[in-house]
């Protein structure tokens, strides 16, 4: 019963984030791209903290609930503040799928939280910087990125990685060498994935790299 209540409460919180974003976008005419990235950021931070209040099977159940919910929301257009961007992306649907994969493949608090934070924090920061200020772009397969966005992604991930490693195992000569390599690897992954697929790949990739480093 406790786990069911936790899943229910978390569902209410995540839906509330969407509702608040929708209301704010309509009230203050916020650009859907900005609203979408703010939802991505807040939802990513909340998702990373889920192991504090529920088990990994419960996180999996929560993600399984939100995958069809986001698909239905996209098709019906319930939350245009999130779905109403001009570019072709299924990132909002892939978000809970990425959380699901990280929880299933790496059910340990530190790797899971790190992987979800890379997706939930580094990705929207990079997207905002690249879209707003990026001038030089590059394309790899279906991915269209900017050099500025990738640089912001690297620096944000570097900070996340350094903080996570410092908290979990302490800094050493080895870890200081590994940290930038992890950030570079994840930046490469992000640069190769387009259409929102980075939301699927990054949580598991980040969790996997941290598991190897710990």
Protein backbone atom coordinates (compact mmCIF):
# COMPACT_ATOMS: atom_id res chain seq x y z
CA UNK A 1 0.00 0.00 0.00
CA UNK A 2 2.88 2.35 0.82
CA UNK A 3 4.39 1.94 -2.65
CA UNK A 4 1.00 2.50 -4.31
CA UNK A 5 0.59 5.72 -2.37
CA UNK A 6 4.09 6.82 -3.34
CA UNK A 7 3.41 6.15 -7.03
CA UNK A 8 0.09 7.97 -6.78
CA UNK A 9 1.62 10.96 -5.01
CA UNK A 10 4.49 11.15 -7.49
CA UNK A 11 2.02 10.98 -10.39
CA UNK A 12 0.14 13.95 -8.95
CA UNK A 13 3.39 15.90 -8.59
CA UNK A 14 4.51 15.27 -12.17
CA UNK A 15 1.08 16.08 -13.62
CA UNK A 16 1.04 19.23 -11.50
CA UNK A 17 4.31 20.32 -13.13
CA UNK A 18 2.64 19.99 -16.53
CA UNK A 19 -0.49 21.85 -15.39
CA UNK A 20 1.52 24.69 -13.84
CA UNK A 21 3.63 25.02 -16.98
CA UNK A 22 0.51 25.13 -19.13
CA UNK A 23 -1.12 27.78 -16.94
CA UNK A 24 2.05 29.89 -16.81
CA UNK A 25 2.53 29.67 -20.57
CA UNK A 26 -1.01 30.88 -21.23
CA UNK A 27 -0.89 33.58 -18.55
CA UNK A 28 2.43 35.12 -19.55
CA UNK A 29 2.69 33.98 -23.20
CA UNK A 30 5.89 32.04 -22.57
CA UNK A 31 7.60 30.57 -25.60
CA UNK A 32 6.71 26.83 -25.75
CA UNK A 33 10.40 26.01 -26.18
CA UNK A 34 11.21 27.76 -22.90
CA UNK A 35 8.22 26.18 -21.13
CA UNK A 36 9.16 22.76 -22.44
CA UNK A 37 12.73 23.05 -21.21
CA UNK A 38 11.62 24.26 -17.78
CA UNK A 39 9.31 21.25 -17.50
CA UNK A 40 12.16 19.00 -18.63
CA UNK A 41 14.49 20.48 -16.02
CA UNK A 42 12.06 20.34 -13.10
CA UNK A 43 10.83 16.87 -14.02
CA UNK A 44 14.40 15.63 -14.37
CA UNK A 45 15.37 16.85 -10.90
CA UNK A 46 12.22 15.33 -9.41
CA UNK A 47 12.77 12.01 -11.21
CA UNK A 48 16.38 11.85 -10.03
CA UNK A 49 15.18 12.12 -6.42
CA UNK A 50 12.59 9.33 -6.66
CA UNK A 51 14.82 6.69 -4.97
CA UNK A 52 14.54 8.78 -1.81
CA UNK A 53 10.80 8.08 -1.55
CA UNK A 54 10.15 4.82 -3.42
CA UNK A 55 11.74 1.57 -4.54
CA UNK A 56 13.05 0.96 -8.04
CA UNK A 57 10.13 -1.35 -8.95
CA UNK A 58 7.83 1.54 -8.01
CA UNK A 59 9.86 3.90 -10.21
CA UNK A 60 9.45 1.44 -13.07
CA UNK A 61 5.69 1.32 -12.46
CA UNK A 62 5.51 5.11 -12.43
CA UNK A 63 7.41 5.37 -15.71
CA UNK A 64 5.18 2.72 -17.29
CA UNK A 65 2.16 4.82 -16.36
CA UNK A 66 3.58 7.99 -17.86
CA UNK A 67 4.68 6.58 -21.21
CA UNK A 68 1.11 6.00 -22.50
CA UNK A 69 -0.06 9.14 -20.66
CA UNK A 70 2.42 11.30 -22.57
CA UNK A 71 1.60 9.57 -25.86
CA UNK A 72 -2.11 10.28 -25.33
CA UNK A 73 -1.40 13.84 -24.22
CA UNK A 74 0.65 14.46 -27.35
CA UNK A 75 -2.02 13.06 -29.68
CA UNK A 76 -4.89 14.91 -28.03
CA UNK A 77 -2.89 18.08 -27.39
CA UNK A 78 -3.65 18.36 -23.69
CA UNK A 79 -0.46 20.25 -22.86
CA UNK A 80 0.50 22.43 -25.85
CA UNK A 81 3.05 24.22 -23.66
CA UNK A 82 5.05 21.00 -23.79
CA UNK A 83 3.99 19.47 -27.10
CA UNK A 84 3.57 22.63 -29.16
CA UNK A 85 7.11 23.18 -30.40
CA UNK A 86 7.87 23.59 -34.09
CA UNK A 87 10.67 21.03 -34.33
CA UNK A 88 9.97 17.33 -34.76
CA UNK A 89 10.65 15.62 -31.44
CA UNK A 90 9.15 12.92 -29.23
CA UNK A 91 11.35 13.90 -26.30
CA UNK A 92 8.47 14.29 -23.85
CA UNK A 93 7.41 10.70 -24.57
CA UNK A 94 10.96 9.38 -24.46
CA UNK A 95 11.59 11.05 -21.07
CA UNK A 96 9.76 8.42 -18.94
CA UNK A 97 11.20 5.68 -21.16
CA UNK A 98 14.71 6.89 -20.33
CA UNK A 99 13.85 6.90 -16.62
CA UNK A 100 12.45 3.38 -16.98
CA UNK A 101 15.61 2.03 -18.62
CA UNK A 102 17.88 3.60 -16.02
CA UNK A 103 15.78 2.17 -13.17
CA UNK A 104 15.68 -1.32 -14.71
CA UNK A 105 19.31 -1.55 -15.82
CA UNK A 106 20.99 0.29 -12.93
CA UNK A 107 18.82 0.04 -9.78
CA UNK A 108 21.28 1.84 -7.52
CA UNK A 109 20.60 5.33 -6.24
CA UNK A 110 23.80 7.11 -7.28
CA UNK A 111 24.11 5.79 -10.88
CA UNK A 112 20.38 6.15 -11.50
CA UNK A 113 20.22 9.72 -10.14
CA UNK A 114 23.34 10.74 -12.05
CA UNK A 115 22.05 9.37 -15.36
CA UNK A 116 18.66 11.03 -14.95
CA UNK A 117 20.27 14.35 -13.98
CA UNK A 118 22.45 14.32 -17.09
CA UNK A 119 19.30 13.93 -19.17
CA UNK A 120 17.22 16.27 -17.01
CA UNK A 121 19.72 19.08 -16.42
CA UNK A 122 22.51 19.03 -18.99
CA UNK A 123 20.19 18.43 -21.93
CA UNK A 124 17.78 21.39 -21.40
CA UNK A 125 20.64 23.77 -20.56
CA UNK A 126 22.40 22.76 -23.76
CA UNK A 127 19.22 22.99 -25.81
CA UNK A 128 18.36 26.45 -24.52
CA UNK A 129 21.87 27.81 -25.08
CA UNK A 130 22.20 26.23 -28.51
CA UNK A 131 18.81 27.31 -29.78
CA UNK A 132 18.96 30.84 -28.39
CA UNK A 133 22.61 31.73 -28.92
CA UNK A 134 24.18 29.01 -31.06
CA UNK A 135 25.35 30.23 -34.45
CA UNK A 136 27.40 27.36 -35.80
CA UNK A 137 25.62 24.02 -36.15
CA UNK A 138 26.58 20.50 -37.12
CA UNK A 139 24.59 17.50 -38.22
CA UNK A 140 25.28 13.80 -37.59
CA UNK A 141 22.72 11.40 -39.06
CA UNK A 142 19.35 12.71 -37.78
CA UNK A 143 20.88 14.83 -35.00
CA UNK A 144 21.11 18.59 -35.54
CA UNK A 145 23.16 20.30 -32.82
CA UNK A 146 25.14 23.47 -32.25
CA UNK A 147 28.72 23.73 -31.08
CA UNK A 148 27.64 26.08 -28.29
CA UNK A 149 24.94 23.68 -27.13
CA UNK A 150 27.37 20.77 -27.04
CA UNK A 151 29.89 22.90 -25.13
CA UNK A 152 27.25 23.80 -22.53
CA UNK A 153 26.24 20.15 -22.30
CA UNK A 154 29.86 19.15 -21.67
CA UNK A 155 30.44 21.80 -18.99
CA UNK A 156 27.16 21.04 -17.19
CA UNK A 157 27.81 17.30 -17.30
CA UNK A 158 31.37 17.87 -16.12
CA UNK A 159 30.03 19.70 -13.05
CA UNK A 160 27.42 17.01 -12.39
CA UNK A 161 29.99 14.25 -12.75
CA UNK A 162 32.53 15.98 -10.52
CA UNK A 163 29.93 16.56 -7.82
CA UNK A 164 28.57 13.02 -7.99
CA UNK A 165 32.00 11.39 -7.85
CA UNK A 166 33.09 13.68 -5.00
CA UNK A 167 30.01 12.78 -2.94
CA UNK A 168 29.98 9.04 -3.67
CA UNK A 169 33.65 8.10 -3.51
CA UNK A 170 35.72 11.23 -3.01
CA UNK A 171 38.11 12.86 -5.44
CA UNK A 172 41.42 11.23 -6.29
CA UNK A 173 43.97 11.46 -9.08
CA UNK A 174 42.14 8.64 -10.89
CA UNK A 175 38.68 10.15 -10.53
CA UNK A 176 39.86 13.59 -11.65
CA UNK A 177 41.14 11.92 -14.82
CA UNK A 178 37.97 9.88 -15.36
CA UNK A 179 35.49 12.74 -14.79
CA UNK A 180 36.23 14.71 -18.00
CA UNK A 181 36.31 11.47 -20.00
CA UNK A 182 32.82 10.59 -18.78
CA UNK A 183 31.56 14.07 -19.61
CA UNK A 184 33.11 13.88 -23.08
CA UNK A 185 31.61 10.44 -23.72
CA UNK A 186 28.12 11.58 -22.75
CA UNK A 187 28.49 14.74 -24.83
CA UNK A 188 29.30 12.52 -27.79
CA UNK A 189 26.23 10.39 -27.12
CA UNK A 190 24.05 13.50 -26.94
CA UNK A 191 25.56 14.85 -30.13
CA UNK A 192 24.75 11.68 -32.04
CA UNK A 193 21.08 11.39 -31.04
CA UNK A 194 18.28 13.52 -32.46
CA UNK A 195 14.51 13.72 -32.32
CA UNK A 196 14.47 13.47 -28.54
CA UNK A 197 16.14 10.04 -28.49
CA UNK A 198 18.84 11.42 -26.21
CA UNK A 199 16.20 11.27 -23.47
CA UNK A 200 16.14 7.49 -23.92
CA UNK A 201 19.88 6.93 -24.18
CA UNK A 202 21.43 9.43 -21.76
CA UNK A 203 20.01 8.16 -18.42
CA UNK A 204 21.19 4.58 -19.00
CA UNK A 205 24.47 5.69 -20.56
CA UNK A 206 25.24 8.01 -17.65
CA UNK A 207 24.23 5.41 -15.06
CA UNK A 208 26.32 2.78 -16.79
CA UNK A 209 29.43 4.97 -16.95
CA UNK A 210 29.15 5.92 -13.30
CA UNK A 211 28.69 2.27 -12.33
CA UNK A 212 31.95 1.47 -14.09
CA UNK A 213 33.69 4.38 -12.40
CA UNK A 214 32.53 3.55 -8.85
